[in-house]
Amino acid sequence: MKQWMRKIAVILITIMTLGMYVPASLTADPEEPKQRYDSGSNVNEATSTTVLEQSTNVALTMEQLSHKIKAQTELKMGPRITRRVGDEFTSVILPNIEAVMQTILLDENNQPIPYYTITEDPADGYGERIFNILDVKNQQYVAKFHVRRDHRPLEGHWFNFHYHIKDDNFEKHYDIGDIYWDKNTPPKWMA
């Protein structure tokens, strides 16, 4: 990777995680000799420190992710919808999203994915996207969180929160929960 791209990636990741995580593999110089890392007991200390830092960072960023998820969803719903269903979202939907995030952000070996971020571009109007989880290292989306408007006959309008994962190419809906709006049509997203 070119040096300027690496620097930009480090800066963006650091900003997105509020400085809690700086990717070491992107800050390391590829031209630097590997002997520095291969000598004796320093390797074991460095490895255990890195693993501890990564697990601590994941635990710390889960709280940050919760705040970011809530902010993204409130931005998506807009002030008119948030005023009416914000409390129900906070008490019912947000804990379910956090539980899903805990399971999604582990790889095949139940190790936390150290390079992830949340996109900050919710869809407005009638779009469903709230946020996506991006694995920055592999440049692949891990999961996509959406909210859909459902008009159920004789029941009224509902907001259906769900997510999609990359394992099935984002085709299957995994339900998180529903919030009732009213018999009247809700306003557009971000209104």
N, C-alpha and C. Protein backbone atom coordinates (compact mmCIF):
# COMPACT_ATOMS: atom_id res chain seq x y z
N MET A 1 0.85 -1.16 0.00
CA MET A 1 0.00 0.00 0.00
C MET A 1 0.90 1.23 0.00
N LYS A 2 0.54 2.24 -0.76
CA LYS A 2 1.35 3.44 -0.82
C LYS A 2 1.33 4.14 0.53
N GLN A 3 2.43 4.83 0.82
CA GLN A 3 2.60 5.46 2.12
C GLN A 3 1.50 6.47 2.42
N TRP A 4 1.12 7.29 1.46
CA TRP A 4 0.11 8.32 1.72
C TRP A 4 -1.27 7.70 1.97
N MET A 5 -1.56 6.56 1.30
CA MET A 5 -2.83 5.88 1.53
C MET A 5 -2.86 5.28 2.93
N ARG A 6 -1.72 4.76 3.38
CA ARG A 6 -1.63 4.19 4.71
C ARG A 6 -1.85 5.27 5.77
N LYS A 7 -1.24 6.42 5.55
CA LYS A 7 -1.39 7.52 6.52
C LYS A 7 -2.84 7.98 6.58
N ILE A 8 -3.50 8.09 5.44
CA ILE A 8 -4.89 8.51 5.40
C ILE A 8 -5.77 7.48 6.11
N ALA A 9 -5.51 6.19 5.85
CA ALA A 9 -6.29 5.13 6.48
C ALA A 9 -6.13 5.17 8.01
N VAL A 10 -4.91 5.38 8.49
CA VAL A 10 -4.67 5.45 9.93
C VAL A 10 -5.42 6.64 10.53
N ILE A 11 -5.35 7.78 9.86
CA ILE A 11 -6.02 8.98 10.37
C ILE A 11 -7.53 8.77 10.41
N LEU A 12 -8.11 8.21 9.34
CA LEU A 12 -9.55 8.00 9.29
C LEU A 12 -10.02 7.01 10.36
N ILE A 13 -9.28 5.92 10.53
CA ILE A 13 -9.65 4.93 11.53
C ILE A 13 -9.54 5.53 12.93
N THR A 14 -8.49 6.31 13.15
CA THR A 14 -8.31 6.94 14.46
C THR A 14 -9.44 7.92 14.74
N ILE A 15 -9.83 8.69 13.75
CA ILE A 15 -10.92 9.66 13.93
C ILE A 15 -12.24 8.93 14.17
N MET A 16 -12.52 7.87 13.39
CA MET A 16 -13.79 7.16 13.53
C MET A 16 -13.93 6.45 14.86
N THR A 17 -12.83 6.03 15.45
CA THR A 17 -12.90 5.35 16.74
C THR A 17 -12.57 6.31 17.88
N LEU A 18 -12.58 7.59 17.60
CA LEU A 18 -12.32 8.64 18.59
C LEU A 18 -10.97 8.44 19.28
N GLY A 19 -9.99 7.95 18.55
CA GLY A 19 -8.64 7.79 19.08
C GLY A 19 -8.44 6.60 19.97
N MET A 20 -9.49 5.78 20.15
CA MET A 20 -9.36 4.62 21.04
C MET A 20 -8.56 3.50 20.39
N TYR A 21 -8.48 3.50 19.07
CA TYR A 21 -7.79 2.42 18.38
C TYR A 21 -7.01 2.98 17.20
N VAL A 22 -5.73 2.70 17.15
CA VAL A 22 -4.89 3.07 16.02
C VAL A 22 -4.35 1.77 15.45
N PRO A 23 -4.67 1.45 14.20
CA PRO A 23 -4.24 0.17 13.64
C PRO A 23 -2.73 0.08 13.51
N ALA A 24 -2.13 -0.85 14.25
CA ALA A 24 -0.68 -1.00 14.27
C ALA A 24 -0.14 -1.52 12.94
N SER A 25 -0.88 -2.38 12.26
CA SER A 25 -0.37 -2.94 11.01
C SER A 25 -0.28 -1.88 9.92
N LEU A 26 -1.09 -0.84 10.01
CA LEU A 26 -1.01 0.23 9.02
C LEU A 26 0.04 1.25 9.37
N THR A 27 0.39 1.39 10.66
CA THR A 27 1.40 2.37 11.05
C THR A 27 2.80 1.80 10.96
N ALA A 28 2.94 0.48 10.91
CA ALA A 28 4.26 -0.14 10.80
C ALA A 28 4.84 0.11 9.42
N ASP A 29 6.14 0.33 9.37
CA ASP A 29 6.81 0.59 8.10
C ASP A 29 7.13 -0.74 7.43
N PRO A 30 6.65 -1.00 6.19
CA PRO A 30 6.91 -2.28 5.55
C PRO A 30 8.38 -2.47 5.18
N GLU A 31 9.13 -1.39 5.07
CA GLU A 31 10.55 -1.48 4.73
C GLU A 31 11.41 -1.76 5.95
N GLU A 32 10.85 -1.65 7.14
CA GLU A 32 11.59 -1.87 8.36
C GLU A 32 11.95 -3.35 8.48
N PRO A 33 13.19 -3.66 8.90
CA PRO A 33 13.58 -5.07 9.01
C PRO A 33 12.73 -5.82 10.03
N LYS A 34 12.43 -7.06 9.70
CA LYS A 34 11.59 -7.89 10.57
C LYS A 34 12.35 -8.38 11.79
N GLN A 35 13.68 -8.27 11.82
CA GLN A 35 14.48 -8.78 12.93
C GLN A 35 14.10 -8.10 14.24
N ARG A 36 13.67 -6.87 14.17
CA ARG A 36 13.30 -6.14 15.37
C ARG A 36 12.19 -6.87 16.13
N TYR A 37 11.29 -7.52 15.40
CA TYR A 37 10.15 -8.20 16.02
C TYR A 37 10.43 -9.67 16.31
N ASP A 38 11.53 -10.21 15.80
CA ASP A 38 11.80 -11.63 15.93
C ASP A 38 12.74 -11.99 17.06
N SER A 39 13.13 -11.06 17.89
CA SER A 39 14.16 -11.36 18.88
C SER A 39 13.56 -11.74 20.23
N GLY A 40 13.86 -12.95 20.67
CA GLY A 40 13.64 -13.44 22.02
C GLY A 40 12.28 -13.22 22.64
N SER A 41 12.31 -12.87 23.95
CA SER A 41 11.08 -12.78 24.74
C SER A 41 10.28 -11.52 24.45
N ASN A 42 10.85 -10.57 23.77
CA ASN A 42 10.11 -9.35 23.44
C ASN A 42 8.91 -9.66 22.57
N VAL A 43 9.03 -10.73 21.77
CA VAL A 43 7.92 -11.11 20.90
C VAL A 43 6.72 -11.52 21.72
N ASN A 44 6.94 -12.37 22.72
CA ASN A 44 5.82 -12.81 23.56
C ASN A 44 5.18 -11.65 24.30
N GLU A 45 5.99 -10.74 24.83
CA GLU A 45 5.44 -9.59 25.53
C GLU A 45 4.66 -8.70 24.57
N ALA A 46 5.23 -8.47 23.39
CA ALA A 46 4.56 -7.61 22.41
C ALA A 46 3.25 -8.24 21.95
N THR A 47 3.27 -9.56 21.72
CA THR A 47 2.06 -10.25 21.27
C THR A 47 0.97 -10.20 22.32
N SER A 48 1.32 -10.51 23.58
CA SER A 48 0.30 -10.50 24.62
C SER A 48 -0.23 -9.09 24.86
N THR A 49 0.64 -8.09 24.76
CA THR A 49 0.18 -6.71 24.91
C THR A 49 -0.77 -6.33 23.79
N THR A 50 -0.44 -6.73 22.55
CA THR A 50 -1.30 -6.41 21.42
C THR A 50 -2.66 -7.08 21.57
N VAL A 51 -2.68 -8.35 21.95
CA VAL A 51 -3.95 -9.06 22.13
C VAL A 51 -4.76 -8.40 23.23
N LEU A 52 -4.11 -8.05 24.34
CA LEU A 52 -4.81 -7.39 25.44
C LEU A 52 -5.37 -6.05 24.99
N GLU A 53 -4.57 -5.26 24.26
CA GLU A 53 -5.04 -3.97 23.78
C GLU A 53 -6.23 -4.14 22.86
N GLN A 54 -6.16 -5.14 21.95
CA GLN A 54 -7.26 -5.34 21.02
C GLN A 54 -8.53 -5.74 21.76
N SER A 55 -8.43 -6.67 22.71
CA SER A 55 -9.64 -7.08 23.42
C SER A 55 -10.18 -5.94 24.27
N THR A 56 -9.30 -5.14 24.86
CA THR A 56 -9.74 -4.00 25.64
C THR A 56 -10.40 -2.97 24.73
N ASN A 57 -9.81 -2.73 23.56
CA ASN A 57 -10.38 -1.76 22.64
C ASN A 57 -11.75 -2.19 22.15
N VAL A 58 -11.93 -3.48 21.89
CA VAL A 58 -13.24 -3.94 21.44
C VAL A 58 -14.25 -3.73 22.56
N ALA A 59 -13.89 -4.04 23.80
CA ALA A 59 -14.81 -3.85 24.91
C ALA A 59 -15.12 -2.37 25.10
N LEU A 60 -14.13 -1.52 24.97
CA LEU A 60 -14.35 -0.09 25.13
C LEU A 60 -15.20 0.45 23.98
N THR A 61 -14.93 -0.02 22.77
CA THR A 61 -15.64 0.56 21.64
C THR A 61 -17.07 0.06 21.56
N MET A 62 -17.43 -1.00 22.25
CA MET A 62 -18.82 -1.43 22.23
C MET A 62 -19.72 -0.36 22.84
N GLU A 63 -19.25 0.29 23.90
CA GLU A 63 -20.01 1.39 24.49
C GLU A 63 -20.09 2.56 23.51
N GLN A 64 -18.97 2.84 22.85
CA GLN A 64 -18.97 3.91 21.85
C GLN A 64 -19.88 3.55 20.69
N LEU A 65 -19.84 2.28 20.28
CA LEU A 65 -20.72 1.85 19.19
C LEU A 65 -22.18 2.03 19.57
N SER A 66 -22.51 1.75 20.82
CA SER A 66 -23.88 1.91 21.27
C SER A 66 -24.33 3.36 21.12
N HIS A 67 -23.47 4.28 21.51
CA HIS A 67 -23.81 5.71 21.36
C HIS A 67 -23.91 6.10 19.89
N LYS A 68 -23.00 5.55 19.09
CA LYS A 68 -23.01 5.87 17.67
C LYS A 68 -24.24 5.28 16.97
N ILE A 69 -24.62 4.06 17.38
CA ILE A 69 -25.81 3.42 16.81
C ILE A 69 -27.05 4.23 17.14
N LYS A 70 -27.15 4.67 18.39
CA LYS A 70 -28.31 5.47 18.80
C LYS A 70 -28.35 6.78 18.03
N ALA A 71 -27.20 7.42 17.88
CA ALA A 71 -27.15 8.69 17.14
C ALA A 71 -27.51 8.48 15.67
N GLN A 72 -26.99 7.41 15.07
CA GLN A 72 -27.30 7.13 13.66
C GLN A 72 -28.78 6.87 13.46
N THR A 73 -29.38 6.11 14.38
CA THR A 73 -30.79 5.78 14.25
C THR A 73 -31.66 7.01 14.47
N GLU A 74 -31.31 7.85 15.44
CA GLU A 74 -32.07 9.08 15.65
C GLU A 74 -31.94 10.01 14.45
N LEU A 75 -30.76 10.04 13.86
CA LEU A 75 -30.57 10.84 12.63
C LEU A 75 -31.45 10.28 11.52
N LYS A 76 -31.47 8.97 11.38
CA LYS A 76 -32.28 8.30 10.36
C LYS A 76 -33.77 8.60 10.56
N MET A 77 -34.26 8.45 11.79
CA MET A 77 -35.69 8.64 12.04
C MET A 77 -36.09 10.10 11.95
N GLY A 78 -35.19 11.00 12.25
CA GLY A 78 -35.53 12.41 12.23
C GLY A 78 -36.23 12.82 13.51
N PRO A 79 -36.32 14.11 13.77
CA PRO A 79 -36.88 14.57 15.05
C PRO A 79 -38.36 14.25 15.24
N ARG A 80 -39.14 14.26 14.18
CA ARG A 80 -40.58 14.00 14.33
C ARG A 80 -40.86 12.57 14.77
N ILE A 81 -40.19 11.62 14.15
CA ILE A 81 -40.40 10.21 14.51
C ILE A 81 -39.74 9.91 15.85
N THR A 82 -38.55 10.47 16.08
CA THR A 82 -37.82 10.21 17.32
C THR A 82 -38.62 10.67 18.53
N ARG A 83 -39.31 11.80 18.43
CA ARG A 83 -40.11 12.29 19.56
C ARG A 83 -41.17 11.27 19.98
N ARG A 84 -41.74 10.57 19.01
CA ARG A 84 -42.83 9.64 19.32
C ARG A 84 -42.37 8.25 19.70
N VAL A 85 -41.32 7.74 19.07
CA VAL A 85 -40.93 6.35 19.32
C VAL A 85 -39.53 6.22 19.92
N GLY A 86 -38.90 7.33 20.29
CA GLY A 86 -37.54 7.30 20.81
C GLY A 86 -37.38 6.47 22.07
N ASP A 87 -38.33 6.59 22.99
CA ASP A 87 -38.23 5.82 24.25
C ASP A 87 -38.35 4.33 24.00
N GLU A 88 -39.27 3.95 23.13
CA GLU A 88 -39.44 2.53 22.82
C GLU A 88 -38.22 1.99 22.09
N PHE A 89 -37.64 2.81 21.21
CA PHE A 89 -36.42 2.40 20.51
C PHE A 89 -35.31 2.14 21.53
N THR A 90 -35.12 3.07 22.46
CA THR A 90 -34.05 2.95 23.45
C THR A 90 -34.23 1.75 24.36
N SER A 91 -35.47 1.44 24.71
CA SER A 91 -35.69 0.35 25.66
C SER A 91 -35.82 -1.02 25.02
N VAL A 92 -36.28 -1.09 23.76
CA VAL A 92 -36.53 -2.40 23.13
C VAL A 92 -35.54 -2.71 22.01
N ILE A 93 -35.42 -1.82 21.06
CA ILE A 93 -34.64 -2.10 19.85
C ILE A 93 -33.14 -1.98 20.09
N LEU A 94 -32.70 -0.91 20.74
CA LEU A 94 -31.26 -0.68 20.95
C LEU A 94 -30.57 -1.84 21.67
N PRO A 95 -31.13 -2.39 22.75
CA PRO A 95 -30.46 -3.55 23.37
C PRO A 95 -30.36 -4.76 22.43
N ASN A 96 -31.37 -4.94 21.59
CA ASN A 96 -31.31 -6.05 20.62
C ASN A 96 -30.23 -5.81 19.58
N ILE A 97 -30.09 -4.57 19.11
CA ILE A 97 -29.02 -4.24 18.15
C ILE A 97 -27.66 -4.47 18.80
N GLU A 98 -27.50 -4.05 20.05
CA GLU A 98 -26.23 -4.25 20.74
C GLU A 98 -25.90 -5.74 20.88
N ALA A 99 -26.89 -6.56 21.17
CA ALA A 99 -26.66 -8.01 21.29
C ALA A 99 -26.24 -8.59 19.95
N VAL A 100 -26.88 -8.14 18.87
CA VAL A 100 -26.51 -8.61 17.53
C VAL A 100 -25.09 -8.18 17.19
N MET A 101 -24.74 -6.94 17.55
CA MET A 101 -23.38 -6.44 17.28
C MET A 101 -22.34 -7.29 18.00
N GLN A 102 -22.64 -7.71 19.22
CA GLN A 102 -21.71 -8.56 19.97
C GLN A 102 -21.42 -9.85 19.21
N THR A 103 -22.45 -10.43 18.59
CA THR A 103 -22.25 -11.69 17.89
C THR A 103 -21.63 -11.49 16.51
N ILE A 104 -21.96 -10.41 15.85
CA ILE A 104 -21.45 -10.18 14.49
C ILE A 104 -19.98 -9.82 14.51
N LEU A 105 -19.53 -9.09 15.50
CA LEU A 105 -18.17 -8.59 15.50
C LEU A 105 -17.15 -9.60 16.02
N LEU A 106 -17.47 -10.89 15.87
CA LEU A 106 -16.52 -11.96 16.15
C LEU A 106 -16.28 -12.73 14.87
N ASP A 107 -15.02 -13.11 14.62
CA ASP A 107 -14.73 -13.87 13.40
C ASP A 107 -15.00 -15.36 13.61
N GLU A 108 -14.56 -16.19 12.67
CA GLU A 108 -14.83 -17.63 12.71
C GLU A 108 -14.26 -18.30 13.95
N ASN A 109 -13.16 -17.75 14.51
CA ASN A 109 -12.50 -18.33 15.68
C ASN A 109 -12.94 -17.65 16.98
N ASN A 110 -14.08 -16.95 16.95
CA ASN A 110 -14.59 -16.19 18.09
C ASN A 110 -13.61 -15.14 18.60
N GLN A 111 -12.81 -14.61 17.69
CA GLN A 111 -11.91 -13.51 18.01
C GLN A 111 -12.53 -12.22 17.50
N PRO A 112 -12.39 -11.11 18.23
CA PRO A 112 -12.99 -9.85 17.77
C PRO A 112 -12.32 -9.36 16.49
N ILE A 113 -13.12 -8.79 15.62
CA ILE A 113 -12.58 -8.19 14.40
C ILE A 113 -12.02 -6.83 14.79
N PRO A 114 -10.69 -6.65 14.68
CA PRO A 114 -10.10 -5.40 15.16
C PRO A 114 -10.29 -4.21 14.24
N TYR A 115 -10.57 -4.43 12.98
CA TYR A 115 -10.66 -3.33 12.03
C TYR A 115 -12.10 -3.21 11.53
N TYR A 116 -12.94 -2.53 12.25
CA TYR A 116 -14.30 -2.35 11.81
C TYR A 116 -14.74 -0.92 12.08
N THR A 117 -15.73 -0.50 11.34
CA THR A 117 -16.29 0.83 11.54
C THR A 117 -17.75 0.82 11.13
N ILE A 118 -18.45 1.85 11.51
CA ILE A 118 -19.85 2.01 11.13
C ILE A 118 -19.94 3.13 10.13
N THR A 119 -20.62 2.88 9.02
CA THR A 119 -20.81 3.93 8.04
C THR A 119 -21.78 4.96 8.59
N GLU A 120 -21.63 6.18 8.14
CA GLU A 120 -22.43 7.28 8.70
C GLU A 120 -23.31 7.93 7.65
N ASP A 121 -23.93 7.14 6.81
CA ASP A 121 -24.77 7.71 5.76
C ASP A 121 -26.12 7.00 5.70
N PRO A 122 -27.02 7.30 6.66
CA PRO A 122 -28.34 6.66 6.60
C PRO A 122 -29.12 7.15 5.38
N ALA A 123 -29.96 6.27 4.86
CA ALA A 123 -30.77 6.63 3.70
C ALA A 123 -31.93 7.51 4.14
N ASP A 124 -32.21 8.54 3.36
CA ASP A 124 -33.34 9.40 3.70
C ASP A 124 -34.55 9.03 2.84
N GLY A 125 -35.62 9.78 2.97
CA GLY A 125 -36.82 9.51 2.19
C GLY A 125 -37.48 8.21 2.62
N TYR A 126 -37.50 7.23 1.70
CA TYR A 126 -38.10 5.93 1.99
C TYR A 126 -37.06 4.81 2.04
N GLY A 127 -35.77 5.14 1.98
CA GLY A 127 -34.71 4.14 2.02
C GLY A 127 -34.66 3.43 3.37
N GLU A 128 -34.12 2.23 3.40
CA GLU A 128 -34.10 1.41 4.61
C GLU A 128 -32.82 1.52 5.43
N ARG A 129 -31.71 1.87 4.83
CA ARG A 129 -30.40 1.78 5.49
C ARG A 129 -30.29 2.72 6.69
N ILE A 130 -29.88 2.14 7.84
CA ILE A 130 -29.53 2.94 9.02
C ILE A 130 -28.01 3.10 9.04
N PHE A 131 -27.30 1.96 9.05
CA PHE A 131 -25.84 1.97 9.00
C PHE A 131 -25.37 0.59 8.55
N ASN A 132 -24.12 0.54 8.10
CA ASN A 132 -23.47 -0.71 7.73
C ASN A 132 -22.23 -0.87 8.59
N ILE A 133 -21.84 -2.10 8.84
CA ILE A 133 -20.59 -2.37 9.54
C ILE A 133 -19.59 -2.80 8.48
N LEU A 134 -18.47 -2.10 8.43
CA LEU A 134 -17.44 -2.33 7.42
C LEU A 134 -16.19 -2.88 8.08
N ASP A 135 -15.68 -3.99 7.55
CA ASP A 135 -14.38 -4.50 7.96
C ASP A 135 -13.35 -3.72 7.15
N VAL A 136 -12.67 -2.78 7.78
CA VAL A 136 -11.78 -1.85 7.09
C VAL A 136 -10.59 -2.59 6.49
N LYS A 137 -10.10 -3.58 7.19
CA LYS A 137 -8.91 -4.30 6.72
C LYS A 137 -9.18 -5.03 5.40
N ASN A 138 -10.34 -5.67 5.30
CA ASN A 138 -10.68 -6.43 4.10
C ASN A 138 -11.54 -5.63 3.12
N GLN A 139 -11.95 -4.42 3.50
CA GLN A 139 -12.82 -3.57 2.69
C GLN A 139 -14.08 -4.31 2.27
N GLN A 140 -14.72 -4.98 3.25
CA GLN A 140 -15.96 -5.70 2.99
C GLN A 140 -16.98 -5.35 4.07
N TYR A 141 -18.24 -5.30 3.66
CA TYR A 141 -19.29 -5.09 4.63
C TYR A 141 -19.54 -6.38 5.38
N VAL A 142 -19.68 -6.28 6.68
CA VAL A 142 -19.94 -7.43 7.54
C VAL A 142 -21.44 -7.59 7.77
N ALA A 143 -22.11 -6.46 7.98
CA ALA A 143 -23.55 -6.48 8.24
C ALA A 143 -24.16 -5.16 7.80
N LYS A 144 -25.46 -5.21 7.52
CA LYS A 144 -26.21 -4.02 7.13
C LYS A 144 -27.47 -3.96 7.99
N PHE A 145 -27.64 -2.85 8.71
CA PHE A 145 -28.79 -2.67 9.58
C PHE A 145 -29.79 -1.74 8.91
N HIS A 146 -31.04 -2.18 8.84
CA HIS A 146 -32.08 -1.45 8.13
C HIS A 146 -33.32 -1.29 9.00
N VAL A 147 -34.15 -0.34 8.62
CA VAL A 147 -35.49 -0.19 9.19
C VAL A 147 -36.45 0.00 8.03
N ARG A 148 -37.50 -0.80 8.05
CA ARG A 148 -38.48 -0.79 6.96
C ARG A 148 -39.81 -0.31 7.51
N ARG A 149 -40.56 0.39 6.67
CA ARG A 149 -41.91 0.81 7.04
C ARG A 149 -42.87 -0.26 6.56
N ASP A 150 -43.67 -0.78 7.47
CA ASP A 150 -44.67 -1.78 7.12
C ASP A 150 -46.06 -1.21 7.35
N HIS A 151 -46.94 -1.39 6.38
CA HIS A 151 -48.34 -1.00 6.57
C HIS A 151 -49.15 -2.28 6.64
N ARG A 152 -49.51 -2.65 7.85
CA ARG A 152 -50.28 -3.87 8.07
C ARG A 152 -51.76 -3.51 8.04
N PRO A 153 -52.53 -4.18 7.19
CA PRO A 153 -53.96 -3.87 7.10
C PRO A 153 -54.65 -4.02 8.45
N LEU A 154 -55.48 -3.07 8.77
CA LEU A 154 -56.27 -3.00 9.99
C LEU A 154 -55.43 -2.79 11.26
N GLU A 155 -54.11 -2.78 11.14
CA GLU A 155 -53.25 -2.57 12.31
C GLU A 155 -52.59 -1.20 12.28
N GLY A 156 -52.26 -0.70 11.11
CA GLY A 156 -51.58 0.58 11.00
C GLY A 156 -50.15 0.42 10.52
N HIS A 157 -49.35 1.42 10.78
CA HIS A 157 -47.97 1.46 10.30
C HIS A 157 -47.00 1.04 11.40
N TRP A 158 -46.01 0.26 11.01
CA TRP A 158 -44.99 -0.26 11.92
C TRP A 158 -43.62 0.02 11.33
N PHE A 159 -42.63 0.14 12.20
CA PHE A 159 -41.23 0.21 11.78
C PHE A 159 -40.60 -1.14 12.11
N ASN A 160 -40.09 -1.82 11.09
CA ASN A 160 -39.47 -3.13 11.26
C ASN A 160 -37.96 -2.97 11.19
N PHE A 161 -37.28 -3.18 12.32
CA PHE A 161 -35.82 -3.11 12.38
C PHE A 161 -35.28 -4.51 12.11
N HIS A 162 -34.34 -4.60 11.19
CA HIS A 162 -33.74 -5.89 10.83
C HIS A 162 -32.32 -5.67 10.34
N TYR A 163 -31.61 -6.78 10.13
CA TYR A 163 -30.25 -6.68 9.61
C TYR A 163 -30.00 -7.81 8.62
N HIS A 164 -28.95 -7.62 7.83
CA HIS A 164 -28.50 -8.61 6.85
C HIS A 164 -27.02 -8.87 7.13
N ILE A 165 -26.56 -10.09 6.87
CA ILE A 165 -25.14 -10.39 7.08
C ILE A 165 -24.53 -10.92 5.78
N LYS A 166 -23.19 -10.84 5.71
CA LYS A 166 -22.49 -11.21 4.48
C LYS A 166 -22.51 -12.71 4.22
N ASP A 167 -22.75 -13.53 5.26
CA ASP A 167 -22.72 -14.98 5.09
C ASP A 167 -23.72 -15.48 4.06
N ASP A 168 -24.85 -14.80 3.92
CA ASP A 168 -25.85 -15.20 2.93
C ASP A 168 -26.02 -14.13 1.84
N ASN A 169 -24.94 -13.37 1.62
CA ASN A 169 -24.93 -12.29 0.60
C ASN A 169 -26.00 -11.25 0.85
N PHE A 170 -26.30 -10.98 2.10
CA PHE A 170 -27.23 -9.93 2.53
C PHE A 170 -28.64 -10.14 1.99
N GLU A 171 -29.06 -11.38 1.80
CA GLU A 171 -30.38 -11.65 1.25
C GLU A 171 -31.44 -11.89 2.33
N LYS A 172 -31.10 -12.58 3.40
CA LYS A 172 -32.09 -12.93 4.41
C LYS A 172 -32.26 -11.79 5.43
N HIS A 173 -33.49 -11.58 5.86
CA HIS A 173 -33.80 -10.61 6.90
C HIS A 173 -33.71 -11.30 8.26
N TYR A 174 -32.96 -10.71 9.17
CA TYR A 174 -32.90 -11.17 10.55
C TYR A 174 -33.57 -10.09 11.39
N ASP A 175 -34.72 -10.42 11.96
CA ASP A 175 -35.50 -9.43 12.69
C ASP A 175 -34.85 -9.03 13.99
N ILE A 176 -34.95 -7.74 14.29
CA ILE A 176 -34.49 -7.18 15.57
C ILE A 176 -35.71 -6.81 16.42
N GLY A 177 -36.71 -6.22 15.78
CA GLY A 177 -37.91 -5.86 16.51
C GLY A 177 -38.77 -4.90 15.71
N ASP A 178 -39.99 -4.67 16.19
CA ASP A 178 -40.95 -3.78 15.54
C ASP A 178 -41.40 -2.71 16.52
N ILE A 179 -41.68 -1.53 15.97
CA ILE A 179 -42.25 -0.44 16.76
C ILE A 179 -43.49 0.06 16.03
N TYR A 180 -44.58 0.17 16.77
CA TYR A 180 -45.83 0.66 16.20
C TYR A 180 -45.79 2.18 16.07
N TRP A 181 -46.25 2.68 14.91
CA TRP A 181 -46.33 4.12 14.69
C TRP A 181 -47.73 4.64 14.96
N ASP A 182 -48.65 4.33 14.05
CA ASP A 182 -50.01 4.86 14.15
C ASP A 182 -50.77 4.35 12.93
N LYS A 183 -52.05 4.65 12.88
CA LYS A 183 -52.84 4.32 11.68
C LYS A 183 -52.51 5.30 10.56
N ASN A 184 -52.08 6.50 10.91
CA ASN A 184 -51.70 7.49 9.91
C ASN A 184 -50.31 7.21 9.37
N THR A 185 -50.05 7.64 8.15
CA THR A 185 -48.75 7.42 7.51
C THR A 185 -47.67 8.21 8.21
N PRO A 186 -46.53 7.58 8.53
CA PRO A 186 -45.43 8.31 9.18
C PRO A 186 -44.73 9.23 8.18
N PRO A 187 -44.05 10.25 8.66
CA PRO A 187 -43.30 11.13 7.75
C PRO A 187 -42.11 10.39 7.14
N LYS A 188 -41.50 10.98 6.12
CA LYS A 188 -40.31 10.38 5.50
C LYS A 188 -39.17 10.37 6.51
N TRP A 189 -38.21 9.47 6.24
CA TRP A 189 -37.03 9.40 7.10
C TRP A 189 -36.28 10.71 7.06
N MET A 190 -35.68 11.07 8.14
CA MET A 190 -34.86 12.27 8.31
C MET A 190 -35.66 13.57 8.14
N ALA A 191 -37.00 13.47 8.32
CA ALA A 191 -37.83 14.68 8.17
C ALA A 191 -37.99 15.36 9.51
